[in-house]
């Protein structure tokens, strides 16, 4: 994936201001007018990798377990994020080495 990124970003018709990846999720800051062009470029570089996009809503977008917010001055802030469907219920895990 690292090789793909290096080649795709170096040949991109519009280079993102920010490109951060964690496994198969990327956080990208890009001019809105360039989203479709950039997505087409990525898709054309490797047909077996499917890229999708999500755009900010009300100047914020969840990424992993954080909510990234674009402030009025243009800088980004982060806060904890949990999905609306999160129930705060967890499975009890107990394990004994003697079993």
Protein backbone atom coordinates (compact mmCIF):
# COMPACT_ATOMS: atom_id res chain seq x y z
CA UNK A 1 0.00 0.00 0.00
CA UNK A 2 2.89 2.33 0.74
CA UNK A 3 4.25 1.94 -2.81
CA UNK A 4 0.80 2.55 -4.24
CA UNK A 5 0.42 5.71 -2.15
CA UNK A 6 3.79 7.11 -3.17
CA UNK A 7 3.13 6.53 -6.87
CA UNK A 8 -0.48 7.74 -6.78
CA UNK A 9 0.28 10.90 -4.80
CA UNK A 10 3.33 11.83 -6.85
CA UNK A 11 1.33 11.57 -10.09
CA UNK A 12 -1.94 13.05 -8.83
CA UNK A 13 -3.46 15.91 -10.85
CA UNK A 14 -4.35 17.58 -7.53
CA UNK A 15 -2.29 16.83 -4.45
CA UNK A 16 -4.10 16.72 -1.07
CA UNK A 17 -2.99 19.14 1.64
CA UNK A 18 -3.16 16.24 4.10
CA UNK A 19 -3.07 12.46 3.48
CA UNK A 20 -3.00 10.21 6.52
CA UNK A 21 -3.65 6.46 6.42
CA UNK A 22 -4.39 3.91 9.10
CA UNK A 23 -4.65 0.39 7.63
CA UNK A 24 -7.39 0.87 5.02
CA UNK A 25 -8.79 4.26 6.12
CA UNK A 26 -7.36 7.54 4.90
CA UNK A 27 -7.98 11.04 6.14
CA UNK A 28 -7.49 13.49 3.31
CA UNK A 29 -7.79 17.26 3.10
CA UNK A 30 -8.51 18.27 -0.47
CA UNK A 31 -10.30 21.11 -2.23
CA UNK A 32 -13.97 20.10 -2.72
CA UNK A 33 -13.76 20.81 -6.45
CA UNK A 34 -11.03 18.17 -6.81
CA UNK A 35 -12.67 15.25 -4.99
CA UNK A 36 -14.04 13.47 -8.07
CA UNK A 37 -10.84 14.01 -10.07
CA UNK A 38 -8.68 12.69 -7.24
CA UNK A 39 -10.95 9.68 -6.66
CA UNK A 40 -10.86 8.81 -10.37
CA UNK A 41 -7.07 9.10 -10.32
CA UNK A 42 -6.75 6.70 -7.36
CA UNK A 43 -9.16 4.21 -8.91
CA UNK A 44 -7.34 4.28 -12.25
CA UNK A 45 -4.01 3.48 -10.57
CA UNK A 46 -5.17 0.14 -9.15
CA UNK A 47 -8.42 -1.44 -10.33
CA UNK A 48 -8.48 -4.04 -7.55
CA UNK A 49 -8.65 -1.40 -4.80
CA UNK A 50 -12.02 0.27 -4.36
CA UNK A 51 -11.94 3.79 -2.97
CA UNK A 52 -14.95 5.56 -1.49
CA UNK A 53 -15.36 9.04 -0.06
CA UNK A 54 -17.13 10.72 2.80
CA UNK A 55 -17.20 14.48 3.10
CA UNK A 56 -17.54 16.66 6.14
CA UNK A 57 -20.96 17.58 7.48
CA UNK A 58 -21.29 20.83 9.45
CA UNK A 59 -17.50 21.26 9.26
CA UNK A 60 -16.88 17.91 10.98
CA UNK A 61 -16.18 14.32 9.98
CA UNK A 62 -15.61 11.19 12.05
CA UNK A 63 -12.34 9.38 11.42
CA UNK A 64 -11.69 6.21 13.39
CA UNK A 65 -12.61 7.10 17.00
CA UNK A 66 -12.13 10.84 16.60
CA UNK A 67 -14.28 13.67 15.33
CA UNK A 68 -12.23 16.08 13.23
CA UNK A 69 -13.69 19.58 13.13
CA UNK A 70 -12.64 22.40 10.82
CA UNK A 71 -12.68 25.63 12.83
CA UNK A 72 -13.58 29.02 11.35
CA UNK A 73 -9.88 30.00 11.20
CA UNK A 74 -9.22 26.89 9.10
CA UNK A 75 -7.31 24.78 11.61
CA UNK A 76 -8.45 21.31 12.63
CA UNK A 77 -9.39 20.15 16.11
CA UNK A 78 -10.19 16.66 17.33
CA UNK A 79 -12.43 15.18 19.98
CA UNK A 80 -13.54 11.70 20.98
CA UNK A 81 -16.21 10.16 18.77
CA UNK A 82 -18.58 7.27 19.28
CA UNK A 83 -21.06 6.11 16.70
CA UNK A 84 -24.72 6.97 17.40
CA UNK A 85 -25.46 3.23 17.57
CA UNK A 86 -22.91 2.65 20.38
CA UNK A 87 -24.66 1.06 23.40
CA UNK A 88 -21.89 1.08 26.05
CA UNK A 89 -22.45 -2.66 26.42
CA UNK A 90 -19.45 -4.95 26.44
CA UNK A 91 -18.96 -8.70 26.70
CA UNK A 92 -17.54 -9.93 29.98
CA UNK A 93 -14.30 -11.74 29.28
CA UNK A 94 -12.76 -13.96 31.91
CA UNK A 95 -10.00 -16.39 31.28
CA UNK A 96 -8.17 -18.64 33.65
CA UNK A 97 -4.82 -20.18 32.81
CA UNK A 98 -5.77 -23.27 34.83
CA UNK A 99 -8.70 -24.24 32.60
